[in-house]
Amino acid sequence: MNKSLSPLSPPSYAATNAVFIRRSLTLSLRNTESLMMSIILPVMLMLLFTYVFGGAIAPEGDYANYVVPGIILLCAGYGAATTAVDVSTDMTNGIIDRFRTMPIRSLSVVTGHVAASLARNLVATGVVIGVALLVGFRPTGSFPEWLAALGVIVLFILTLTWLYAAIGLVAGSPSAASGYGFILLFLPYLSSAFVPIETMPHWLRGVASHQPITPLIETIRGLLLGTPIGDYAWIGAAWCAGLIAIAFVWCGFAFKKRAGRR
């Protein structure tokens, strides 16, 4: 008498995510050029602003302390931008069709890219901070304040990476994803990253004051250098929470539309 075979139960969400996170980390280690560029570009900008423009912007010579918090977030931005290309590549090279034949939640593909981006960017951030210490960055924050600053950086990386993942899902090709994602990299230049907002034209101050990068930079600056934080911490957290929620829902709808799977 033949016994009917029971269908295999799908793996848990945690197990699926673990597999795709490992896959994305492996791909990141193989793509050493992308990792190096996410480190080299922010370091070059930091050296440029510190040694070329620093004397004109801050003649007293402490410009490194001012500019490093902005460079840290800029570093995260460059690193996260590759997520849009990676996600778009997966969506266009046919591998998603293979994943659709498996009893898994294929959106974990995106989760894997987000986790890999977080790991890459934390490594790059550590290198940038090390170089910053060599060029004159002198933070005064305590150990708990450093941990809080790290939490802010992690929150920013996750926010930006989910946004880039959504861009990668809706872009028609990896090159288009790269172009669309480049727009977000302009936000730090329209913030308090490189110069105080008070020195900007009046029409630009409103833009610089009411965008997510400025409160995050001022929070990191306050934690590491002792400048006033005020309401910047909760404003930055609210920005990030709202953008993550929007990006996550956007990813879900965009993935379902393109991959045809829940």
Protein backbone atom coordinates (compact mmCIF):
# COMPACT_ATOMS: atom_id res chain seq x y z
CA MET A 1 0.00 0.00 0.00
CA ASN A 2 1.46 3.31 -1.06
CA LYS A 3 1.63 6.01 1.49
CA SER A 4 1.07 9.55 0.31
CA LEU A 5 3.99 11.83 0.84
CA SER A 6 3.30 14.89 2.99
CA PRO A 7 4.47 18.17 1.47
CA LEU A 8 7.65 19.64 2.83
CA SER A 9 7.06 22.51 5.19
CA PRO A 10 8.81 25.74 4.13
CA PRO A 11 11.83 26.82 6.16
CA SER A 12 11.36 29.44 8.82
CA TYR A 13 11.73 33.12 8.04
CA ALA A 14 14.85 33.28 10.23
CA ALA A 15 16.48 30.34 8.42
CA THR A 16 15.70 31.83 5.02
CA ASN A 17 17.13 35.19 6.03
CA ALA A 18 20.26 33.54 7.39
CA VAL A 19 20.89 31.80 4.05
CA PHE A 20 20.45 34.98 2.02
CA ILE A 21 22.52 37.06 4.43
CA ARG A 22 25.36 34.57 4.04
CA ARG A 23 24.94 34.69 0.26
CA SER A 24 25.11 38.50 0.19
CA LEU A 25 28.11 38.61 2.51
CA THR A 26 29.92 36.14 0.26
CA LEU A 27 29.16 38.27 -2.79
CA SER A 28 30.41 41.35 -0.93
CA LEU A 29 33.72 39.68 -0.08
CA ARG A 30 34.19 38.80 -3.73
CA ASN A 31 33.43 42.35 -4.86
CA THR A 32 36.44 43.93 -3.21
CA GLU A 33 36.51 46.85 -5.65
CA SER A 34 33.12 48.09 -4.42
CA LEU A 35 34.18 47.83 -0.79
CA MET A 36 37.42 49.67 -1.44
CA MET A 37 35.66 52.48 -3.29
CA SER A 38 33.16 52.92 -0.44
CA ILE A 39 36.18 53.52 1.81
CA ILE A 40 38.50 55.44 -0.51
CA LEU A 41 35.99 58.05 -1.70
CA PRO A 42 34.97 59.28 1.79
CA VAL A 43 38.62 59.27 2.92
CA MET A 44 39.61 61.34 -0.11
CA LEU A 45 36.79 63.79 0.58
CA MET A 46 37.86 64.07 4.21
CA LEU A 47 41.45 64.78 3.22
CA LEU A 48 40.26 67.28 0.60
CA PHE A 49 38.05 69.23 2.97
CA THR A 50 40.52 69.04 5.86
CA TYR A 51 43.71 70.05 4.05
CA VAL A 52 42.45 72.03 1.04
CA PHE A 53 39.29 73.79 2.25
CA GLY A 54 39.77 73.51 6.00
CA GLY A 55 42.08 76.49 6.31
CA ALA A 56 39.59 78.78 4.59
CA ILE A 57 36.51 77.43 6.36
CA ALA A 58 38.03 77.17 9.85
CA PRO A 59 41.27 79.21 10.12
CA GLU A 60 41.62 78.21 13.78
CA GLY A 61 42.50 74.71 12.60
CA ASP A 62 39.81 72.49 14.17
CA TYR A 63 37.84 71.81 11.00
CA ALA A 64 38.54 68.07 11.23
CA ASN A 65 36.39 67.87 14.35
CA TYR A 66 33.55 69.60 12.55
CA VAL A 67 33.63 67.69 9.28
CA VAL A 68 34.23 64.09 10.43
CA PRO A 69 30.64 63.37 11.62
CA GLY A 70 29.37 64.36 8.17
CA ILE A 71 32.05 62.29 6.45
CA ILE A 72 31.02 59.26 8.53
CA LEU A 73 27.46 59.46 7.21
CA LEU A 74 28.73 60.20 3.71
CA CYS A 75 30.79 57.02 3.92
CA ALA A 76 27.66 55.08 4.81
CA GLY A 77 25.88 56.66 1.87
CA TYR A 78 28.51 55.57 -0.64
CA GLY A 79 28.53 52.05 0.75
CA ALA A 80 24.76 51.70 0.82
CA ALA A 81 24.43 52.94 -2.77
CA THR A 82 25.77 49.64 -4.07
CA THR A 83 22.70 47.91 -2.64
CA ALA A 84 20.53 49.39 -5.40
CA VAL A 85 22.82 47.88 -8.04
CA ASP A 86 23.02 44.50 -6.28
CA VAL A 87 19.24 44.22 -5.88
CA SER A 88 18.63 45.32 -9.47
CA THR A 89 21.14 42.75 -10.69
CA ASP A 90 19.28 39.98 -8.88
CA MET A 91 15.99 41.17 -10.33
CA THR A 92 17.27 41.20 -13.92
CA ASN A 93 19.64 38.23 -14.20
CA GLY A 94 17.00 35.51 -13.78
CA ILE A 95 17.99 34.21 -10.37
CA ILE A 96 14.70 35.36 -8.82
CA ASP A 97 12.89 32.93 -11.13
CA ARG A 98 14.91 30.12 -9.57
CA PHE A 99 14.08 31.29 -6.08
CA ARG A 100 10.38 31.34 -6.99
CA THR A 101 10.47 27.56 -7.49
CA MET A 102 11.57 27.07 -3.87
CA PRO A 103 9.32 27.08 -0.79
CA ILE A 104 10.90 30.26 0.59
CA ARG A 105 10.02 33.87 1.08
CA SER A 106 11.99 35.39 -1.76
CA LEU A 107 11.86 38.88 -0.24
CA SER A 108 14.63 37.55 1.98
CA VAL A 109 16.88 38.24 -1.01
CA VAL A 110 16.47 41.93 -0.22
CA THR A 111 16.95 41.37 3.50
CA GLY A 112 20.24 39.63 2.76
CA HIS A 113 21.49 42.61 0.77
CA VAL A 114 20.48 44.99 3.59
CA ALA A 115 22.36 42.95 6.21
CA ALA A 116 25.45 42.70 3.99
CA SER A 117 25.35 46.45 3.41
CA LEU A 118 25.25 47.06 7.16
CA ALA A 119 28.31 44.85 7.68
CA ARG A 120 30.24 46.48 4.81
CA ASN A 121 29.45 49.98 5.97
CA LEU A 122 30.41 49.34 9.57
CA VAL A 123 33.82 48.12 8.41
CA ALA A 124 34.21 51.15 6.14
CA THR A 125 33.11 53.48 8.95
CA GLY A 126 35.73 52.02 11.25
CA VAL A 127 38.44 52.66 8.67
CA VAL A 128 37.25 56.23 8.07
CA ILE A 129 37.24 56.99 11.80
CA GLY A 130 40.76 55.59 12.07
CA VAL A 131 41.98 57.87 9.28
CA ALA A 132 40.11 60.79 10.85
CA LEU A 133 42.04 60.31 14.10
CA LEU A 134 45.26 60.53 12.12
CA VAL A 135 44.30 63.84 10.49
CA GLY A 136 43.29 65.58 13.71
CA PHE A 137 39.87 64.34 14.77
CA ARG A 138 39.79 64.56 18.59
CA PRO A 139 36.48 63.26 19.98
CA THR A 140 35.69 63.80 23.66
CA GLY A 141 32.76 61.38 23.98
CA SER A 142 32.65 58.70 26.65
CA PHE A 143 32.23 55.01 25.91
CA PRO A 144 28.40 55.12 26.29
CA GLU A 145 28.32 58.15 23.98
CA TRP A 146 30.38 56.27 21.40
CA LEU A 147 27.90 53.38 21.62
CA ALA A 148 25.02 55.81 21.15
CA ALA A 149 26.77 57.36 18.14
CA LEU A 150 27.26 53.86 16.70
CA GLY A 151 23.54 53.25 17.16
CA VAL A 152 22.77 56.40 15.19
CA ILE A 153 25.13 55.29 12.42
CA VAL A 154 23.54 51.83 12.27
CA LEU A 155 20.06 53.38 12.11
CA PHE A 156 21.15 55.65 9.26
CA ILE A 157 22.74 52.77 7.34
CA LEU A 158 19.59 50.66 7.65
CA THR A 159 17.41 53.57 6.54
CA LEU A 160 19.51 54.38 3.51
CA THR A 161 20.00 50.74 2.55
CA TRP A 162 16.27 49.97 2.56
CA LEU A 163 15.70 53.04 0.40
CA TYR A 164 18.39 51.89 -2.02
CA ALA A 165 16.90 48.39 -2.04
CA ALA A 166 13.55 49.85 -3.07
CA ILE A 167 15.26 51.84 -5.81
CA GLY A 168 16.95 48.68 -7.04
CA LEU A 169 13.59 46.89 -7.20
CA VAL A 170 11.90 49.53 -9.34
CA ALA A 171 14.87 50.37 -11.58
CA GLY A 172 14.86 48.84 -15.03
CA SER A 173 18.54 47.90 -14.98
CA PRO A 174 21.57 47.98 -12.65
CA SER A 175 22.94 51.05 -14.46
CA ALA A 176 19.63 52.86 -13.97
CA ALA A 177 19.62 51.87 -10.30
CA SER A 178 23.08 53.35 -9.93
CA GLY A 179 21.94 56.60 -11.50
CA TYR A 180 18.78 56.92 -9.42
CA GLY A 181 20.62 56.07 -6.22
CA PHE A 182 23.24 58.72 -6.86
CA ILE A 183 20.61 61.39 -6.19
CA LEU A 184 20.47 60.49 -2.49
CA LEU A 185 24.21 61.09 -2.16
CA PHE A 186 23.62 64.83 -2.60
CA LEU A 187 21.69 65.12 0.67
CA PRO A 188 24.80 65.38 2.91
CA TYR A 189 26.02 68.34 0.85
CA LEU A 190 22.73 70.15 1.58
CA SER A 191 23.09 69.72 5.34
CA SER A 192 25.33 70.86 8.18
CA ALA A 193 27.93 68.24 7.22
CA PHE A 194 30.55 70.62 5.82
CA VAL A 195 29.52 74.12 6.87
CA PRO A 196 27.16 75.54 9.52
CA ILE A 197 23.65 76.13 8.28
CA GLU A 198 23.89 79.78 9.36
CA THR A 199 26.47 80.43 6.64
CA MET A 200 24.13 79.28 3.84
CA PRO A 201 21.82 81.53 1.81
CA HIS A 202 18.43 82.09 3.46
CA TRP A 203 16.54 80.09 0.83
CA LEU A 204 18.82 77.09 1.40
CA ARG A 205 18.71 77.11 5.20
CA GLY A 206 15.17 75.74 5.23
CA VAL A 207 16.19 72.80 3.06
CA ALA A 208 19.26 72.06 5.18
CA SER A 209 17.32 72.33 8.44
CA HIS A 210 14.34 70.18 7.44
CA GLN A 211 15.93 67.05 6.03
CA PRO A 212 17.03 63.85 7.81
CA ILE A 213 20.80 64.21 7.44
CA THR A 214 21.23 67.38 9.51
CA PRO A 215 19.67 66.09 12.78
CA LEU A 216 21.64 62.84 12.50
CA ILE A 217 24.92 64.68 11.94
CA GLU A 218 24.23 67.07 14.82
CA THR A 219 23.39 64.12 17.07
CA ILE A 220 26.66 62.36 16.26
CA ARG A 221 28.54 65.64 16.61
CA GLY A 222 26.99 66.21 20.02
CA LEU A 223 27.72 62.69 21.25
CA LEU A 224 31.34 62.65 20.12
CA LEU A 225 32.30 66.31 20.56
CA GLY A 226 29.98 67.61 23.26
CA THR A 227 28.06 70.14 21.14
CA PRO A 228 24.38 70.77 22.02
CA ILE A 229 22.05 68.06 20.74
CA GLY A 230 18.69 69.56 21.68
CA ASP A 231 15.84 67.99 19.72
CA TYR A 232 18.08 66.61 16.98
CA ALA A 233 18.17 63.06 18.39
CA TRP A 234 14.44 62.39 18.38
CA ILE A 235 13.91 64.28 15.11
CA GLY A 236 16.57 62.15 13.42
CA ALA A 237 15.12 58.97 14.89
CA ALA A 238 11.63 59.93 13.70
CA TRP A 239 12.95 60.62 10.19
CA CYS A 240 14.67 57.21 10.08
CA ALA A 241 11.69 55.29 11.46
CA GLY A 242 9.35 56.87 8.94
CA LEU A 243 11.68 56.33 5.99
CA ILE A 244 12.35 52.69 6.96
CA ALA A 245 8.61 52.02 7.17
CA ILE A 246 8.02 53.64 3.77
CA ALA A 247 10.96 51.81 2.18
CA PHE A 248 9.94 48.44 3.65
CA VAL A 249 6.36 48.72 2.35
CA TRP A 250 7.70 49.99 -0.98
CA CYS A 251 10.03 46.98 -1.21
CA GLY A 252 7.19 44.58 -0.47
CA PHE A 253 4.91 45.97 -3.19
CA ALA A 254 7.73 46.37 -5.73
CA PHE A 255 9.05 42.85 -5.15
CA LYS A 256 5.60 41.33 -5.39
CA LYS A 257 4.97 43.18 -8.65
CA ARG A 258 8.29 42.21 -10.27
CA ALA A 259 8.76 38.72 -8.88
CA GLY A 260 5.11 37.70 -8.70
CA ARG A 261 5.51 36.15 -5.31
CA ARG A 262 4.56 37.02 -1.75
